């Protein structure tokens, strides 16, 4: 589980370090960048209840694997966003995958801790 937590942080940190490049590549002003970033926040926020429900029904182990794969894949796909709406939508999905992974990895960590 340590590797999963580390991978989550590494993937998110990779995205954050690239924000200025995305802003330059798409010629986004500060307000436009803020709107794009709002997509990630909304995706994460809206994924939380659904993720909790899925974990409670299916278990956290499968959700950790799927969430980590989706989070990594979406990070790779973010640079393919050619416009502000496309970036906001991609960030929505990236935020949802990150939020789902967060719920699942914490549930799995708790399950391991409890034995």
PDB file of N, CA and C in Angstrom:
ATOM      1  N   UNK A   1       0.820  -1.197   0.000  1.00  0.00           N
ATOM      2  CA  UNK A   1       0.000   0.000   0.000  1.00  0.00           C
ATOM      3  C   UNK A   1       0.862   1.257   0.000  1.00  0.00           C
ATOM      4  N   UNK A   2       2.037   1.161   0.564  1.00  0.00           N
ATOM      5  CA  UNK A   2       2.928   2.318   0.563  1.00  0.00           C
ATOM      6  C   UNK A   2       3.216   2.773  -0.862  1.00  0.00           C
ATOM      7  N   UNK A   3       3.400   1.807  -1.746  1.00  0.00           N
ATOM      8  CA  UNK A   3       3.664   2.155  -3.145  1.00  0.00           C
ATOM      9  C   UNK A   3       2.469   2.838  -3.794  1.00  0.00           C
ATOM     10  N   UNK A   4       1.271   2.415  -3.433  1.00  0.00           N
ATOM     11  CA  UNK A   4       0.069   3.033  -4.002  1.00  0.00           C
ATOM     12  C   UNK A   4      -0.044   4.483  -3.540  1.00  0.00           C
ATOM     13  N   UNK A   5       0.158   4.716  -2.242  1.00  0.00           N
ATOM     14  CA  UNK A   5       0.114   6.089  -1.737  1.00  0.00           C
ATOM     15  C   UNK A   5       1.201   6.933  -2.404  1.00  0.00           C
ATOM     16  N   UNK A   6       2.389   6.351  -2.563  1.00  0.00           N
ATOM     17  CA  UNK A   6       3.477   7.068  -3.222  1.00  0.00           C
ATOM     18  C   UNK A   6       3.174   7.363  -4.678  1.00  0.00           C
ATOM     19  N   UNK A   7       2.591   6.381  -5.376  1.00  0.00           N
ATOM     20  CA  UNK A   7       2.244   6.576  -6.787  1.00  0.00           C
ATOM     21  C   UNK A   7       1.185   7.658  -6.938  1.00  0.00           C
ATOM     22  N   UNK A   8       0.204   7.666  -6.042  1.00  0.00           N
ATOM     23  CA  UNK A   8      -0.844   8.700  -6.080  1.00  0.00           C
ATOM     24  C   UNK A   8      -0.208  10.083  -5.954  1.00  0.00           C
ATOM     25  N   UNK A   9       0.671  10.242  -4.983  1.00  0.00           N
ATOM     26  CA  UNK A   9       1.345  11.529  -4.790  1.00  0.00           C
ATOM     27  C   UNK A   9       2.230  11.900  -5.965  1.00  0.00           C
ATOM     28  N   UNK A  10       2.932  10.923  -6.510  1.00  0.00           N
ATOM     29  CA  UNK A  10       3.809  11.178  -7.654  1.00  0.00           C
ATOM     30  C   UNK A  10       3.011  11.606  -8.885  1.00  0.00           C
ATOM     31  N   UNK A  11       1.915  10.922  -9.145  1.00  0.00           N
ATOM     32  CA  UNK A  11       1.086  11.278 -10.298  1.00  0.00           C
ATOM     33  C   UNK A  11       0.490  12.674 -10.140  1.00  0.00           C
ATOM     34  N   UNK A  12      -0.040  12.953  -8.954  1.00  0.00           N
ATOM     35  CA  UNK A  12      -0.622  14.280  -8.734  1.00  0.00           C
ATOM     36  C   UNK A  12       0.458  15.362  -8.800  1.00  0.00           C
ATOM     37  N   UNK A  13       1.604  15.092  -8.197  1.00  0.00           N
ATOM     38  CA  UNK A  13       2.710  16.053  -8.239  1.00  0.00           C
ATOM     39  C   UNK A  13       3.203  16.309  -9.653  1.00  0.00           C
ATOM     40  N   UNK A  14       3.198  15.272 -10.466  1.00  0.00           N
ATOM     41  CA  UNK A  14       3.592  15.430 -11.871  1.00  0.00           C
ATOM     42  C   UNK A  14       2.640  16.384 -12.578  1.00  0.00           C
ATOM     43  N   UNK A  15       1.340  16.214 -12.343  1.00  0.00           N
ATOM     44  CA  UNK A  15       0.359  17.111 -12.953  1.00  0.00           C
ATOM     45  C   UNK A  15       0.586  18.545 -12.485  1.00  0.00           C
ATOM     46  N   UNK A  16       0.708  18.734 -11.189  1.00  0.00           N
ATOM     47  CA  UNK A  16       0.836  20.090 -10.640  1.00  0.00           C
ATOM     48  C   UNK A  16       2.080  20.788 -11.187  1.00  0.00           C
ATOM     49  N   UNK A  17       3.167  20.040 -11.335  1.00  0.00           N
ATOM     50  CA  UNK A  17       4.397  20.654 -11.849  1.00  0.00           C
ATOM     51  C   UNK A  17       4.269  21.067 -13.312  1.00  0.00           C
ATOM     52  N   UNK A  18       3.306  20.517 -14.024  1.00  0.00           N
ATOM     53  CA  UNK A  18       3.122  20.818 -15.443  1.00  0.00           C
ATOM     54  C   UNK A  18       2.063  21.881 -15.711  1.00  0.00           C
ATOM     55  N   UNK A  19       1.392  22.365 -14.680  1.00  0.00           N
ATOM     56  CA  UNK A  19       0.327  23.359 -14.879  1.00  0.00           C
ATOM     57  C   UNK A  19       0.814  24.582 -15.666  1.00  0.00           C
ATOM     58  N   UNK A  20       1.965  25.168 -15.335  1.00  0.00           N
ATOM     59  CA  UNK A  20       2.410  26.330 -16.128  1.00  0.00           C
ATOM     60  C   UNK A  20       2.599  26.009 -17.615  1.00  0.00           C
ATOM     61  N   UNK A  21       3.055  24.812 -17.925  1.00  0.00           N
ATOM     62  CA  UNK A  21       3.231  24.438 -19.334  1.00  0.00           C
ATOM     63  C   UNK A  21       1.879  24.339 -20.038  1.00  0.00           C
ATOM     64  N   UNK A  22       0.886  23.777 -19.354  1.00  0.00           N
ATOM     65  CA  UNK A  22      -0.459  23.715 -19.939  1.00  0.00           C
ATOM     66  C   UNK A  22      -1.001  25.122 -20.172  1.00  0.00           C
ATOM     67  N   UNK A  23      -0.776  25.994 -19.214  1.00  0.00           N
ATOM     68  CA  UNK A  23      -1.254  27.368 -19.341  1.00  0.00           C
ATOM     69  C   UNK A  23      -0.610  28.041 -20.552  1.00  0.00           C
ATOM     70  N   UNK A  24       0.682  27.849 -20.717  1.00  0.00           N
ATOM     71  CA  UNK A  24       1.379  28.440 -21.862  1.00  0.00           C
ATOM     72  C   UNK A  24       0.948  27.806 -23.184  1.00  0.00           C
ATOM     73  N   UNK A  25       0.882  26.485 -23.216  1.00  0.00           N
ATOM     74  CA  UNK A  25       0.542  25.783 -24.464  1.00  0.00           C
ATOM     75  C   UNK A  25      -0.838  26.152 -24.986  1.00  0.00           C
ATOM     76  N   UNK A  26      -1.787  26.347 -24.079  1.00  0.00           N
ATOM     77  CA  UNK A  26      -3.153  26.675 -24.491  1.00  0.00           C
ATOM     78  C   UNK A  26      -3.437  28.172 -24.424  1.00  0.00           C
ATOM     79  N   UNK A  27      -2.416  28.971 -24.100  1.00  0.00           N
ATOM     80  CA  UNK A  27      -2.555  30.429 -23.977  1.00  0.00           C
ATOM     81  C   UNK A  27      -3.717  30.800 -23.057  1.00  0.00           C
ATOM     82  N   UNK A  28      -3.727  30.204 -21.872  1.00  0.00           N
ATOM     83  CA  UNK A  28      -4.808  30.440 -20.916  1.00  0.00           C
ATOM     84  C   UNK A  28      -4.459  31.584 -19.983  1.00  0.00           C
ATOM     85  N   UNK A  29      -5.421  32.448 -19.744  1.00  0.00           N
ATOM     86  CA  UNK A  29      -5.271  33.466 -18.717  1.00  0.00           C
ATOM     87  C   UNK A  29      -5.495  32.828 -17.355  1.00  0.00           C
ATOM     88  N   UNK A  30      -5.343  33.628 -16.316  1.00  0.00           N
ATOM     89  CA  UNK A  30      -5.510  33.093 -14.963  1.00  0.00           C
ATOM     90  C   UNK A  30      -6.933  32.611 -14.711  1.00  0.00           C
ATOM     91  N   UNK A  31      -7.922  33.362 -15.188  1.00  0.00           N
ATOM     92  CA  UNK A  31      -9.321  32.964 -14.983  1.00  0.00           C
ATOM     93  C   UNK A  31      -9.640  31.681 -15.748  1.00  0.00           C
ATOM     94  N   UNK A  32      -9.144  31.577 -16.966  1.00  0.00           N
ATOM     95  CA  UNK A  32      -9.386  30.365 -17.755  1.00  0.00           C
ATOM     96  C   UNK A  32      -8.716  29.152 -17.118  1.00  0.00           C
ATOM     97  N   UNK A  33      -7.504  29.345 -16.632  1.00  0.00           N
ATOM     98  CA  UNK A  33      -6.817  28.258 -15.948  1.00  0.00           C
ATOM     99  C   UNK A  33      -7.593  27.841 -14.702  1.00  0.00           C
ATOM    100  N   UNK A  34      -8.102  28.816 -13.978  1.00  0.00           N
ATOM    101  CA  UNK A  34      -8.907  28.520 -12.793  1.00  0.00           C
ATOM    102  C   UNK A  34     -10.143  27.704 -13.128  1.00  0.00           C
ATOM    103  N   UNK A  35     -10.791  28.025 -14.245  1.00  0.00           N
ATOM    104  CA  UNK A  35     -11.957  27.240 -14.676  1.00  0.00           C
ATOM    105  C   UNK A  35     -11.565  25.808 -15.024  1.00  0.00           C
ATOM    106  N   UNK A  36     -10.440  25.651 -15.702  1.00  0.00           N
ATOM    107  CA  UNK A  36      -9.979  24.300 -16.039  1.00  0.00           C
ATOM    108  C   UNK A  36      -9.684  23.506 -14.772  1.00  0.00           C
ATOM    109  N   UNK A  37      -9.024  24.146 -13.818  1.00  0.00           N
ATOM    110  CA  UNK A  37      -8.693  23.465 -12.562  1.00  0.00           C
ATOM    111  C   UNK A  37      -9.939  23.125 -11.758  1.00  0.00           C
ATOM    112  N   UNK A  38     -10.979  23.918 -11.919  1.00  0.00           N
ATOM    113  CA  UNK A  38     -12.243  23.623 -11.250  1.00  0.00           C
ATOM    114  C   UNK A  38     -12.799  22.275 -11.718  1.00  0.00           C
ATOM    115  N   UNK A  39     -12.503  21.910 -12.956  1.00  0.00           N
ATOM    116  CA  UNK A  39     -12.928  20.608 -13.465  1.00  0.00           C
ATOM    117  C   UNK A  39     -12.393  19.463 -12.616  1.00  0.00           C
ATOM    118  N   UNK A  40     -11.115  19.528 -12.236  1.00  0.00           N
ATOM    119  CA  UNK A  40     -10.522  18.475 -11.399  1.00  0.00           C
ATOM    120  C   UNK A  40     -11.171  18.438 -10.026  1.00  0.00           C
ATOM    121  N   UNK A  41     -11.429  19.604  -9.470  1.00  0.00           N
ATOM    122  CA  UNK A  41     -12.061  19.673  -8.153  1.00  0.00           C
ATOM    123  C   UNK A  41     -13.461  19.075  -8.190  1.00  0.00           C
ATOM    124  N   UNK A  42     -14.234  19.453  -9.193  1.00  0.00           N
ATOM    125  CA  UNK A  42     -15.594  18.917  -9.315  1.00  0.00           C
ATOM    126  C   UNK A  42     -15.587  17.407  -9.548  1.00  0.00           C
ATOM    127  N   UNK A  43     -14.674  16.942 -10.375  1.00  0.00           N
ATOM    128  CA  UNK A  43     -14.578  15.504 -10.625  1.00  0.00           C
ATOM    129  C   UNK A  43     -14.278  14.731  -9.355  1.00  0.00           C
ATOM    130  N   UNK A  44     -13.312  15.221  -8.591  1.00  0.00           N
ATOM    131  CA  UNK A  44     -12.977  14.560  -7.331  1.00  0.00           C
ATOM    132  C   UNK A  44     -14.114  14.600  -6.342  1.00  0.00           C
ATOM    133  N   UNK A  45     -14.755  15.749  -6.239  1.00  0.00           N
ATOM    134  CA  UNK A  45     -15.860  15.913  -5.288  1.00  0.00           C
ATOM    135  C   UNK A  45     -17.034  15.006  -5.637  1.00  0.00           C
ATOM    136  N   UNK A  46     -17.373  14.952  -6.914  1.00  0.00           N
ATOM    137  CA  UNK A  46     -18.519  14.145  -7.330  1.00  0.00           C
ATOM    138  C   UNK A  46     -18.227  12.646  -7.306  1.00  0.00           C
ATOM    139  N   UNK A  47     -16.958  12.269  -7.404  1.00  0.00           N
ATOM    140  CA  UNK A  47     -16.599  10.847  -7.381  1.00  0.00           C
ATOM    141  C   UNK A  47     -16.623  10.255  -5.977  1.00  0.00           C
ATOM    142  N   UNK A  48     -16.502  11.081  -4.959  1.00  0.00           N
ATOM    143  CA  UNK A  48     -16.374  10.553  -3.598  1.00  0.00           C
ATOM    144  C   UNK A  48     -17.545   9.677  -3.165  1.00  0.00           C
ATOM    145  N   UNK A  49     -18.794  10.130  -3.270  1.00  0.00           N
ATOM    146  CA  UNK A  49     -19.892   9.263  -2.814  1.00  0.00           C
ATOM    147  C   UNK A  49     -20.005   7.970  -3.633  1.00  0.00           C
ATOM    148  N   UNK A  50     -19.844   8.083  -4.932  1.00  0.00           N
ATOM    149  CA  UNK A  50     -19.926   6.902  -5.787  1.00  0.00           C
ATOM    150  C   UNK A  50     -18.796   5.926  -5.464  1.00  0.00           C
ATOM    151  N   UNK A  51     -17.619   6.447  -5.228  1.00  0.00           N
ATOM    152  CA  UNK A  51     -16.473   5.598  -4.901  1.00  0.00           C
ATOM    153  C   UNK A  51     -16.689   4.860  -3.595  1.00  0.00           C
ATOM    154  N   UNK A  52     -17.201   5.561  -2.601  1.00  0.00           N
ATOM    155  CA  UNK A  52     -17.493   4.914  -1.325  1.00  0.00           C
ATOM    156  C   UNK A  52     -18.498   3.790  -1.487  1.00  0.00           C
ATOM    157  N   UNK A  53     -19.500   4.020  -2.303  1.00  0.00           N
ATOM    158  CA  UNK A  53     -20.519   3.001  -2.546  1.00  0.00           C
ATOM    159  C   UNK A  53     -19.911   1.788  -3.254  1.00  0.00           C
ATOM    160  N   UNK A  54     -19.075   2.037  -4.261  1.00  0.00           N
ATOM    161  CA  UNK A  54     -18.438   0.935  -4.993  1.00  0.00           C
ATOM    162  C   UNK A  54     -17.520   0.138  -4.072  1.00  0.00           C
ATOM    163  N   UNK A  55     -16.743   0.829  -3.253  1.00  0.00           N
ATOM    164  CA  UNK A  55     -15.847   0.140  -2.323  1.00  0.00           C
ATOM    165  C   UNK A  55     -16.642  -0.708  -1.341  1.00  0.00           C
ATOM    166  N   UNK A  56     -17.755  -0.189  -0.853  1.00  0.00           N
ATOM    167  CA  UNK A  56     -18.559  -0.952   0.109  1.00  0.00           C
ATOM    168  C   UNK A  56     -19.203  -2.181  -0.535  1.00  0.00           C
ATOM    169  N   UNK A  57     -19.451  -2.134  -1.818  1.00  0.00           N
ATOM    170  CA  UNK A  57     -20.087  -3.265  -2.509  1.00  0.00           C
ATOM    171  C   UNK A  57     -19.073  -4.240  -3.091  1.00  0.00           C
ATOM    172  N   UNK A  58     -17.963  -3.731  -3.598  1.00  0.00           N
ATOM    173  CA  UNK A  58     -17.011  -4.577  -4.330  1.00  0.00           C
ATOM    174  C   UNK A  58     -15.694  -4.793  -3.606  1.00  0.00           C
ATOM    175  N   UNK A  59     -15.448  -4.030  -2.571  1.00  0.00           N
ATOM    176  CA  UNK A  59     -14.162  -4.111  -1.893  1.00  0.00           C
ATOM    177  C   UNK A  59     -13.186  -3.095  -2.454  1.00  0.00           C
ATOM    178  N   UNK A  60     -12.180  -2.821  -1.672  1.00  0.00           N
ATOM    179  CA  UNK A  60     -11.248  -1.754  -2.040  1.00  0.00           C
ATOM    180  C   UNK A  60     -10.103  -2.219  -2.923  1.00  0.00           C
ATOM    181  N   UNK A  61      -9.770  -3.490  -2.888  1.00  0.00           N
ATOM    182  CA  UNK A  61      -8.595  -3.959  -3.630  1.00  0.00           C
ATOM    183  C   UNK A  61      -8.740  -3.729  -5.136  1.00  0.00           C
ATOM    184  N   UNK A  62      -9.858  -4.139  -5.703  1.00  0.00           N
ATOM    185  CA  UNK A  62     -10.075  -3.951  -7.144  1.00  0.00           C
ATOM    186  C   UNK A  62     -10.171  -2.473  -7.496  1.00  0.00           C
ATOM    187  N   UNK A  63     -10.780  -1.706  -6.604  1.00  0.00           N
ATOM    188  CA  UNK A  63     -10.927  -0.267  -6.846  1.00  0.00           C
ATOM    189  C   UNK A  63      -9.565   0.426  -6.825  1.00  0.00           C
ATOM    190  N   UNK A  64      -8.656  -0.041  -5.965  1.00  0.00           N
ATOM    191  CA  UNK A  64      -7.308   0.532  -5.936  1.00  0.00           C
ATOM    192  C   UNK A  64      -6.623   0.292  -7.276  1.00  0.00           C
ATOM    193  N   UNK A  65      -6.683  -0.931  -7.762  1.00  0.00           N
ATOM    194  CA  UNK A  65      -6.032  -1.255  -9.041  1.00  0.00           C
ATOM    195  C   UNK A  65      -6.626  -0.456 -10.195  1.00  0.00           C
ATOM    196  N   UNK A  66      -7.944  -0.452 -10.280  1.00  0.00           N
ATOM    197  CA  UNK A  66      -8.603   0.287 -11.356  1.00  0.00           C
ATOM    198  C   UNK A  66      -8.406   1.782 -11.246  1.00  0.00           C
ATOM    199  N   UNK A  67      -8.490   2.300 -10.030  1.00  0.00           N
ATOM    200  CA  UNK A  67      -8.316   3.736  -9.818  1.00  0.00           C
ATOM    201  C   UNK A  67      -6.915   4.204 -10.158  1.00  0.00           C
ATOM    202  N   UNK A  68      -5.914   3.409  -9.772  1.00  0.00           N
ATOM    203  CA  UNK A  68      -4.532   3.778 -10.069  1.00  0.00           C
ATOM    204  C   UNK A  68      -4.274   3.738 -11.573  1.00  0.00           C
ATOM    205  N   UNK A  69      -4.792   2.716 -12.239  1.00  0.00           N
ATOM    206  CA  UNK A  69      -4.622   2.622 -13.694  1.00  0.00           C
ATOM    207  C   UNK A  69      -5.302   3.796 -14.400  1.00  0.00           C
ATOM    208  N   UNK A  70      -6.515   4.128 -13.984  1.00  0.00           N
ATOM    209  CA  UNK A  70      -7.243   5.245 -14.605  1.00  0.00           C
ATOM    210  C   UNK A  70      -6.540   6.570 -14.344  1.00  0.00           C
ATOM    211  N   UNK A  71      -6.071   6.767 -13.118  1.00  0.00           N
ATOM    212  CA  UNK A  71      -5.391   8.010 -12.750  1.00  0.00           C
ATOM    213  C   UNK A  71      -4.128   8.194 -13.593  1.00  0.00           C
ATOM    214  N   UNK A  72      -3.354   7.121 -13.744  1.00  0.00           N
ATOM    215  CA  UNK A  72      -2.124   7.189 -14.539  1.00  0.00           C
ATOM    216  C   UNK A  72      -2.433   7.415 -16.018  1.00  0.00           C
ATOM    217  N   UNK A  73      -3.410   6.705 -16.547  1.00  0.00           N
ATOM    218  CA  UNK A  73      -3.771   6.853 -17.959  1.00  0.00           C
ATOM    219  C   UNK A  73      -4.260   8.267 -18.256  1.00  0.00           C
ATOM    220  N   UNK A  74      -5.079   8.794 -17.377  1.00  0.00           N
ATOM    221  CA  UNK A  74      -5.605  10.146 -17.604  1.00  0.00           C
ATOM    222  C   UNK A  74      -4.508  11.199 -17.519  1.00  0.00           C
ATOM    223  N   UNK A  75      -3.503  10.974 -16.678  1.00  0.00           N
ATOM    224  CA  UNK A  75      -2.369  11.906 -16.630  1.00  0.00           C
ATOM    225  C   UNK A  75      -1.656  11.934 -17.979  1.00  0.00           C
ATOM    226  N   UNK A  76      -1.503  10.771 -18.574  1.00  0.00           N
ATOM    227  CA  UNK A  76      -0.841  10.684 -19.876  1.00  0.00           C
ATOM    228  C   UNK A  76      -1.682  11.349 -20.968  1.00  0.00           C
ATOM    229  N   UNK A  77      -3.005  11.286 -20.826  1.00  0.00           N
ATOM    230  CA  UNK A  77      -3.893  11.851 -21.845  1.00  0.00           C
ATOM    231  C   UNK A  77      -4.118  13.360 -21.702  1.00  0.00           C
ATOM    232  N   UNK A  78      -3.845  13.921 -20.531  1.00  0.00           N
ATOM    233  CA  UNK A  78      -4.075  15.363 -20.329  1.00  0.00           C
ATOM    234  C   UNK A  78      -3.398  16.242 -21.380  1.00  0.00           C
ATOM    235  N   UNK A  79      -2.152  15.963 -21.764  1.00  0.00           N
ATOM    236  CA  UNK A  79      -1.507  16.834 -22.763  1.00  0.00           C
ATOM    237  C   UNK A  79      -2.162  16.809 -24.141  1.00  0.00           C
ATOM    238  N   UNK A  80      -3.045  15.864 -24.373  1.00  0.00           N
ATOM    239  CA  UNK A  80      -3.718  15.794 -25.670  1.00  0.00           C
ATOM    240  C   UNK A  80      -4.911  16.733 -25.760  1.00  0.00           C
ATOM    241  N   UNK A  81      -5.208  17.441 -24.688  1.00  0.00           N
ATOM    242  CA  UNK A  81      -6.351  18.367 -24.662  1.00  0.00           C
ATOM    243  C   UNK A  81      -6.012  19.618 -25.463  1.00  0.00           C
ATOM    244  N   UNK A  82      -6.695  19.833 -26.603  1.00  0.00           N
ATOM    245  CA  UNK A  82      -6.324  20.948 -27.471  1.00  0.00           C
ATOM    246  C   UNK A  82      -6.976  22.283 -27.117  1.00  0.00           C
ATOM    247  N   UNK A  83      -8.023  22.254 -26.286  1.00  0.00           N
ATOM    248  CA  UNK A  83      -8.763  23.478 -25.975  1.00  0.00           C
ATOM    249  C   UNK A  83      -9.079  23.532 -24.485  1.00  0.00           C
ATOM    250  N   UNK A  84      -9.526  24.685 -24.031  1.00  0.00           N
ATOM    251  CA  UNK A  84      -9.915  24.846 -22.634  1.00  0.00           C
ATOM    252  C   UNK A  84     -11.037  23.887 -22.241  1.00  0.00           C
ATOM    253  N   UNK A  85     -12.133  23.769 -23.013  1.00  0.00           N
ATOM    254  CA  UNK A  85     -13.179  22.813 -22.615  1.00  0.00           C
ATOM    255  C   UNK A  85     -12.676  21.366 -22.561  1.00  0.00           C
ATOM    256  N   UNK A  86     -11.822  21.000 -23.507  1.00  0.00           N
ATOM    257  CA  UNK A  86     -11.273  19.640 -23.503  1.00  0.00           C
ATOM    258  C   UNK A  86     -10.401  19.417 -22.273  1.00  0.00           C
ATOM    259  N   UNK A  87      -9.606  20.423 -21.913  1.00  0.00           N
ATOM    260  CA  UNK A  87      -8.764  20.306 -20.724  1.00  0.00           C
ATOM    261  C   UNK A  87      -9.621  20.215 -19.470  1.00  0.00           C
ATOM    262  N   UNK A  88     -10.660  21.033 -19.382  1.00  0.00           N
ATOM    263  CA  UNK A  88     -11.541  20.992 -18.209  1.00  0.00           C
ATOM    264  C   UNK A  88     -12.214  19.629 -18.087  1.00  0.00           C
ATOM    265  N   UNK A  89     -12.643  19.066 -19.199  1.00  0.00           N
ATOM    266  CA  UNK A  89     -13.273  17.745 -19.180  1.00  0.00           C
ATOM    267  C   UNK A  89     -12.262  16.661 -18.796  1.00  0.00           C
ATOM    268  N   UNK A  90     -11.067  16.739 -19.358  1.00  0.00           N
ATOM    269  CA  UNK A  90     -10.024  15.770 -19.015  1.00  0.00           C
ATOM    270  C   UNK A  90      -9.649  15.889 -17.539  1.00  0.00           C
ATOM    271  N   UNK A  91      -9.589  17.119 -17.037  1.00  0.00           N
ATOM    272  CA  UNK A  91      -9.282  17.310 -15.620  1.00  0.00           C
ATOM    273  C   UNK A  91     -10.418  16.823 -14.726  1.00  0.00           C
ATOM    274  N   UNK A  92     -11.649  16.939 -15.197  1.00  0.00           N
ATOM    275  CA  UNK A  92     -12.780  16.387 -14.449  1.00  0.00           C
ATOM    276  C   UNK A  92     -12.589  14.881 -14.269  1.00  0.00           C
ATOM    277  N   UNK A  93     -12.260  14.198 -15.358  1.00  0.00           N
ATOM    278  CA  UNK A  93     -12.039  12.749 -15.292  1.00  0.00           C
ATOM    279  C   UNK A  93     -10.820  12.421 -14.434  1.00  0.00           C
ATOM    280  N   UNK A  94      -9.755  13.205 -14.571  1.00  0.00           N
ATOM    281  CA  UNK A  94      -8.540  13.008 -13.776  1.00  0.00           C
ATOM    282  C   UNK A  94      -8.843  13.194 -12.292  1.00  0.00           C
ATOM    283  N   UNK A  95      -9.606  14.219 -11.961  1.00  0.00           N
ATOM    284  CA  UNK A  95      -9.990  14.454 -10.570  1.00  0.00           C
ATOM    285  C   UNK A  95     -10.876  13.351 -10.029  1.00  0.00           C
ATOM    286  N   UNK A  96     -11.787  12.854 -10.862  1.00  0.00           N
ATOM    287  CA  UNK A  96     -12.662  11.756 -10.439  1.00  0.00           C
ATOM    288  C   UNK A  96     -11.849  10.494 -10.174  1.00  0.00           C
ATOM    289  N   UNK A  97     -10.915  10.193 -11.057  1.00  0.00           N
ATOM    290  CA  UNK A  97     -10.068   9.011 -10.861  1.00  0.00           C
ATOM    291  C   UNK A  97      -9.202   9.167  -9.617  1.00  0.00           C
ATOM    292  N   UNK A  98      -8.662  10.365  -9.412  1.00  0.00           N
ATOM    293  CA  UNK A  98      -7.850  10.608  -8.217  1.00  0.00           C
ATOM    294  C   UNK A  98      -8.661  10.501  -6.942  1.00  0.00           C
ATOM    295  N   UNK A  99      -9.877  11.028  -6.965  1.00  0.00           N
ATOM    296  CA  UNK A  99     -10.752  10.937  -5.795  1.00  0.00           C
ATOM    297  C   UNK A  99     -11.153   9.502  -5.504  1.00  0.00           C
ATOM    298  N   UNK A 100     -11.464   8.755  -6.560  1.00  0.00           N
ATOM    299  CA  UNK A 100     -11.824   7.345  -6.395  1.00  0.00           C
ATOM    300  C   UNK A 100     -10.648   6.557  -5.834  1.00  0.00           C
ATOM    301  N   UNK A 101      -9.467   6.829  -6.353  1.00  0.00           N
ATOM    302  CA  UNK A 101      -8.270   6.159  -5.853  1.00  0.00           C
ATOM    303  C   UNK A 101      -8.026   6.513  -4.397  1.00  0.00           C
ATOM    304  N   UNK A 102      -8.233   7.759  -4.046  1.00  0.00           N
ATOM    305  CA  UNK A 102      -8.026   8.196  -2.666  1.00  0.00           C
ATOM    306  C   UNK A 102      -8.931   7.431  -1.703  1.00  0.00           C
ATOM    307  N   UNK A 103     -10.210   7.328  -2.038  1.00  0.00           N
ATOM    308  CA  UNK A 103     -11.154   6.585  -1.196  1.00  0.00           C
ATOM    309  C   UNK A 103     -10.734   5.124  -1.098  1.00  0.00           C
ATOM    310  N   UNK A 104     -10.431   4.516  -2.232  1.00  0.00           N
ATOM    311  CA  UNK A 104     -10.105   3.091  -2.255  1.00  0.00           C
ATOM    312  C   UNK A 104      -8.817   2.781  -1.509  1.00  0.00           C
ATOM    313  N   UNK A 105      -7.780   3.589  -1.701  1.00  0.00           N
ATOM    314  CA  UNK A 105      -6.512   3.273  -1.043  1.00  0.00           C
ATOM    315  C   UNK A 105      -6.601   3.492   0.463  1.00  0.00           C
ATOM    316  N   UNK A 106      -7.379   4.466   0.897  1.00  0.00           N
ATOM    317  CA  UNK A 106      -7.553   4.653   2.333  1.00  0.00           C
ATOM    318  C   UNK A 106      -8.392   3.532   2.937  1.00  0.00           C
ATOM    319  N   UNK A 107      -9.405   3.069   2.217  1.00  0.00           N
ATOM    320  CA  UNK A 107     -10.206   1.935   2.694  1.00  0.00           C
ATOM    321  C   UNK A 107      -9.352   0.671   2.760  1.00  0.00           C
ATOM    322  N   UNK A 108      -8.518   0.460   1.760  1.00  0.00           N
ATOM    323  CA  UNK A 108      -7.638  -0.711   1.751  1.00  0.00           C
ATOM    324  C   UNK A 108      -6.602  -0.612   2.866  1.00  0.00           C
ATOM    325  N   UNK A 109      -6.057   0.568   3.077  1.00  0.00           N
ATOM    326  CA  UNK A 109      -5.110   0.761   4.178  1.00  0.00           C
ATOM    327  C   UNK A 109      -5.751   0.475   5.524  1.00  0.00           C
ATOM    328  N   UNK A 110      -6.970   0.916   5.707  1.00  0.00           N
ATOM    329  CA  UNK A 110      -7.697   0.652   6.947  1.00  0.00           C
ATOM    330  C   UNK A 110      -7.951  -0.843   7.118  1.00  0.00           C
ATOM    331  N   UNK A 111      -8.320  -1.517   6.031  1.00  0.00           N
ATOM    332  CA  UNK A 111      -8.555  -2.962   6.097  1.00  0.00           C
ATOM    333  C   UNK A 111      -7.276  -3.704   6.474  1.00  0.00           C
ATOM    334  N   UNK A 112      -6.151  -3.286   5.919  1.00  0.00           N
ATOM    335  CA  UNK A 112      -4.876  -3.918   6.258  1.00  0.00           C
ATOM    336  C   UNK A 112      -4.483  -3.639   7.703  1.00  0.00           C
ATOM    337  N   UNK A 113      -4.750  -2.432   8.151  1.00  0.00           N
ATOM    338  CA  UNK A 113      -4.417  -2.052   9.522  1.00  0.00           C
ATOM    339  C   UNK A 113      -5.222  -2.865  10.530  1.00  0.00           C
ATOM    340  N   UNK A 114      -6.476  -3.115  10.201  1.00  0.00           N
ATOM    341  CA  UNK A 114      -7.349  -3.884  11.099  1.00  0.00           C
ATOM    342  C   UNK A 114      -7.052  -5.376  11.059  1.00  0.00           C
ATOM    343  N   UNK A 115      -6.297  -5.779  10.037  1.00  0.00           N
ATOM    344  CA  UNK A 115      -5.889  -7.173   9.948  1.00  0.00           C
ATOM    345  C   UNK A 115      -6.862  -7.995   9.249  1.00  0.00           C
TER     346      UNK A 115
END
